[in-house]
Amino acid sequence: MHATEPPQGEHAPVLRLVSDSSRAGTARAGIVELYHLEFRSMARLAYLLCGDMQQADDLTHDAFVRLYEHWDRVDDPARRVGYLRSIVVNLAHSAHRRQATARRHAARSVFAEGGGTTASTSAEDEAIWSAARPQVMAALVALPDRQRTAVVLRHWLRMTESEIAETMGCSVGSVRTHVSRGHQTLAQRLGGIR
């Protein structure tokens, strides 16, 4: 089955299904009707969960595809909207986890390449950094996502608080809180390492 949605003004997107002969016509008709009734509300839900319109549309289409694939498992038509909503939520959470994992791996590769130093770093600081890198990385990875993101953006990318706030989608005050808490936790975990 394939689903496509050409964006067209105020009208609900169009769902086109191409299916094999084993699918009943009632399932096809049912999913198309449900798509027309619920696409917008499910897309809004997905957007609120992921914060990205393109990803929200993709998640919503994937949810309809999954519901279609399991159409006969949900016998009660009244339960299909709830089941569809659960699929959207689960897909959004899975996408968030994949993105968080990708960010952690990207951070590890930056540290493995010595990304914590700059051209103006002294030889002494470089020696301390090289010796402490595994401990610093372990402490940094252990921080909660928002604290780690704020600390990395502030110190490794040298972004301003307002740039970080825009990147993280939060207020400057929240950035200050995340950076401060991250610093406190890192200081406790790293002890004398600067």
Protein backbone atom coordinates (compact mmCIF):
# COMPACT_ATOMS: atom_id res chain seq x y z
CA MET A 1 0.00 0.00 0.00
CA HIS A 2 1.24 3.49 -0.82
CA ALA A 3 -0.13 6.76 0.49
CA THR A 4 0.49 10.17 -1.02
CA GLU A 5 -0.64 13.62 0.02
CA PRO A 6 -0.29 16.48 -2.41
CA PRO A 7 -0.76 19.69 -0.38
CA GLN A 8 -3.78 21.54 -1.73
CA GLY A 9 -5.00 24.67 0.04
CA GLU A 10 -7.65 24.27 2.73
CA HIS A 11 -8.86 20.84 1.61
CA ALA A 12 -7.89 17.69 3.41
CA PRO A 13 -5.03 15.83 1.76
CA VAL A 14 -5.84 13.05 -0.66
CA LEU A 15 -5.11 9.47 0.28
CA ARG A 16 -4.48 7.11 -2.60
CA LEU A 17 -4.19 3.46 -1.80
CA VAL A 18 -2.67 0.86 -4.01
CA SER A 19 -3.23 -2.51 -2.48
CA ASP A 20 -3.02 -6.16 -3.31
CA SER A 21 -6.10 -8.21 -4.06
CA SER A 22 -6.24 -9.69 -0.53
CA ARG A 23 -7.46 -6.40 0.95
CA ALA A 24 -11.20 -6.06 1.22
CA GLY A 25 -12.88 -3.11 -0.43
CA THR A 26 -14.50 -2.22 2.88
CA ALA A 27 -11.11 -1.70 4.53
CA ARG A 28 -10.05 0.57 1.65
CA ALA A 29 -13.23 2.58 1.82
CA GLY A 30 -13.05 2.76 5.61
CA ILE A 31 -9.48 4.00 5.77
CA VAL A 32 -10.10 6.62 3.06
CA GLU A 33 -13.15 7.91 4.93
CA LEU A 34 -11.27 7.99 8.24
CA TYR A 35 -8.35 9.74 6.53
CA HIS A 36 -10.61 12.53 5.28
CA LEU A 37 -12.22 12.93 8.70
CA GLU A 38 -9.16 12.68 10.94
CA PHE A 39 -6.01 13.59 8.98
CA ARG A 40 -5.88 17.22 10.14
CA SER A 41 -6.41 16.45 13.82
CA MET A 42 -3.84 13.64 13.74
CA ALA A 43 -1.34 15.87 11.92
CA ARG A 44 -1.84 18.58 14.57
CA LEU A 45 -1.24 16.02 17.30
CA ALA A 46 1.92 14.79 15.57
CA TYR A 47 3.14 18.37 15.14
CA LEU A 48 2.64 19.12 18.83
CA LEU A 49 4.63 16.01 19.70
CA CYS A 50 7.53 16.50 17.28
CA GLY A 51 7.54 20.23 16.46
CA ASP A 52 8.23 19.78 12.76
CA MET A 53 5.54 20.02 10.07
CA GLN A 54 7.21 17.71 7.56
CA GLN A 55 7.92 15.08 10.18
CA ALA A 56 4.35 15.44 11.52
CA ASP A 57 2.92 14.80 8.03
CA ASP A 58 5.21 11.79 7.60
CA LEU A 59 4.24 10.39 11.00
CA THR A 60 0.55 10.89 10.28
CA HIS A 61 0.75 9.13 6.92
CA ASP A 62 2.70 6.29 8.52
CA ALA A 63 0.00 6.00 11.19
CA PHE A 64 -2.75 5.66 8.56
CA VAL A 65 -0.70 3.05 6.71
CA ARG A 66 -0.24 1.05 9.91
CA LEU A 67 -3.94 1.29 10.75
CA TYR A 68 -4.80 0.08 7.24
CA GLU A 69 -2.41 -2.85 7.63
CA HIS A 70 -4.18 -3.83 10.88
CA TRP A 71 -7.69 -2.73 9.92
CA ASP A 72 -9.32 -6.07 10.75
CA ARG A 73 -7.76 -6.11 14.25
CA VAL A 74 -9.90 -3.14 15.29
CA ASP A 75 -13.43 -4.43 14.77
CA ASP A 76 -15.21 -1.58 16.54
CA PRO A 77 -15.27 1.52 14.28
CA ALA A 78 -15.55 3.75 17.36
CA ARG A 79 -12.16 2.49 18.59
CA ARG A 80 -10.32 3.17 15.32
CA VAL A 81 -9.72 6.87 16.04
CA GLY A 82 -8.26 6.03 19.45
CA TYR A 83 -6.12 3.32 17.92
CA LEU A 84 -4.95 5.75 15.24
CA ARG A 85 -4.14 8.36 17.92
CA SER A 86 -2.08 5.76 19.81
CA ILE A 87 -0.15 4.95 16.65
CA VAL A 88 0.64 8.66 16.08
CA VAL A 89 1.85 9.05 19.69
CA ASN A 90 3.98 5.91 19.51
CA LEU A 91 5.50 6.90 16.18
CA ALA A 92 6.32 10.39 17.51
CA HIS A 93 7.97 8.93 20.62
CA SER A 94 9.97 6.50 18.52
CA ALA A 95 11.13 9.32 16.25
CA HIS A 96 12.16 11.37 19.28
CA ARG A 97 14.16 8.45 20.69
CA ARG A 98 15.90 7.90 17.34
CA GLN A 99 16.81 11.59 17.15
CA ALA A 100 18.14 11.58 20.72
CA THR A 101 20.26 8.52 19.95
CA ALA A 102 21.61 10.17 16.81
CA ARG A 103 22.50 13.31 18.79
CA ARG A 104 24.34 11.22 21.41
CA HIS A 105 26.32 9.42 18.72
CA ALA A 106 27.14 12.71 17.00
CA ALA A 107 28.33 14.16 20.31
CA ARG A 108 30.53 11.12 20.93
CA SER A 109 32.16 11.44 17.52
CA VAL A 110 32.85 15.15 18.11
CA PHE A 111 34.56 14.33 21.39
CA ALA A 112 36.45 11.41 19.90
CA GLU A 113 37.88 13.83 17.34
CA GLY A 114 38.92 16.31 20.04
CA GLY A 115 36.02 18.68 19.44
CA GLY A 116 36.30 20.15 22.93
CA THR A 117 39.36 22.25 22.15
CA THR A 118 40.03 25.23 19.92
CA ALA A 119 43.05 26.64 18.14
CA SER A 120 43.56 29.07 21.05
CA THR A 121 43.71 26.28 23.65
CA SER A 122 47.01 26.13 25.51
CA ALA A 123 49.20 23.02 25.47
CA GLU A 124 48.48 22.53 29.17
CA ASP A 125 44.72 22.70 28.60
CA GLU A 126 45.04 20.29 25.68
CA ALA A 127 46.97 17.81 27.85
CA ILE A 128 44.37 18.03 30.62
CA TRP A 129 41.56 17.67 28.08
CA SER A 130 43.18 14.62 26.45
CA ALA A 131 43.65 12.89 29.80
CA ALA A 132 40.18 13.76 31.04
CA ARG A 133 38.23 13.23 27.79
CA PRO A 134 36.73 9.82 28.69
CA GLN A 135 35.59 11.09 32.10
CA VAL A 136 34.21 14.32 30.68
CA MET A 137 32.37 12.48 27.93
CA ALA A 138 30.88 9.96 30.36
CA ALA A 139 29.69 12.77 32.66
CA LEU A 140 28.31 14.77 29.74
CA VAL A 141 26.43 11.82 28.23
CA ALA A 142 24.89 11.13 31.65
CA LEU A 143 23.30 14.60 31.80
CA PRO A 144 19.60 14.91 30.96
CA ASP A 145 19.06 15.72 27.26
CA ARG A 146 18.18 19.41 27.68
CA GLN A 147 21.08 20.11 30.05
CA ARG A 148 23.55 18.32 27.81
CA THR A 149 22.28 20.16 24.75
CA ALA A 150 22.53 23.55 26.47
CA VAL A 151 26.03 22.87 27.81
CA VAL A 152 27.32 21.59 24.47
CA LEU A 153 25.82 24.48 22.50
CA ARG A 154 27.21 27.01 25.00
CA HIS A 155 30.72 25.67 25.45
CA TRP A 156 31.57 23.63 22.38
CA LEU A 157 29.73 25.64 19.76
CA ARG A 158 30.12 28.92 21.68
CA MET A 159 26.54 29.95 21.00
CA THR A 160 24.91 32.83 22.87
CA GLU A 161 22.06 32.18 25.27
CA SER A 162 19.57 33.65 22.80
CA GLU A 163 20.91 31.44 19.98
CA ILE A 164 20.63 28.40 22.23
CA ALA A 165 17.09 29.38 23.24
CA GLU A 166 16.09 29.60 19.58
CA THR A 167 17.77 26.29 18.78
CA MET A 168 16.20 24.48 21.74
CA GLY A 169 12.82 26.17 21.41
CA CYS A 170 12.79 27.56 24.94
CA SER A 171 13.33 30.83 26.80
CA VAL A 172 16.70 32.38 27.63
CA GLY A 173 15.86 31.80 31.32
CA SER A 174 15.41 28.08 30.63
CA VAL A 175 18.76 28.00 28.84
CA ARG A 176 20.43 29.60 31.88
CA THR A 177 18.78 27.04 34.14
CA HIS A 178 19.83 24.09 31.94
CA VAL A 179 23.42 25.35 31.67
CA SER A 180 23.65 26.07 35.41
CA ARG A 181 22.27 22.67 36.41
CA GLY A 182 24.49 20.96 33.84
CA HIS A 183 27.54 22.76 35.25
CA GLN A 184 26.62 21.76 38.81
CA THR A 185 26.19 18.12 37.87
CA LEU A 186 29.40 18.06 35.83
CA ALA A 187 31.33 19.71 38.70
CA GLN A 188 30.06 17.06 41.12
CA ARG A 189 30.86 14.17 38.78
CA LEU A 190 34.22 15.45 37.59
CA GLY A 191 35.58 16.85 40.86
CA GLY A 192 38.89 18.61 40.15
CA ILE A 193 38.84 18.31 36.36
CA ARG A 194 38.29 21.62 34.64
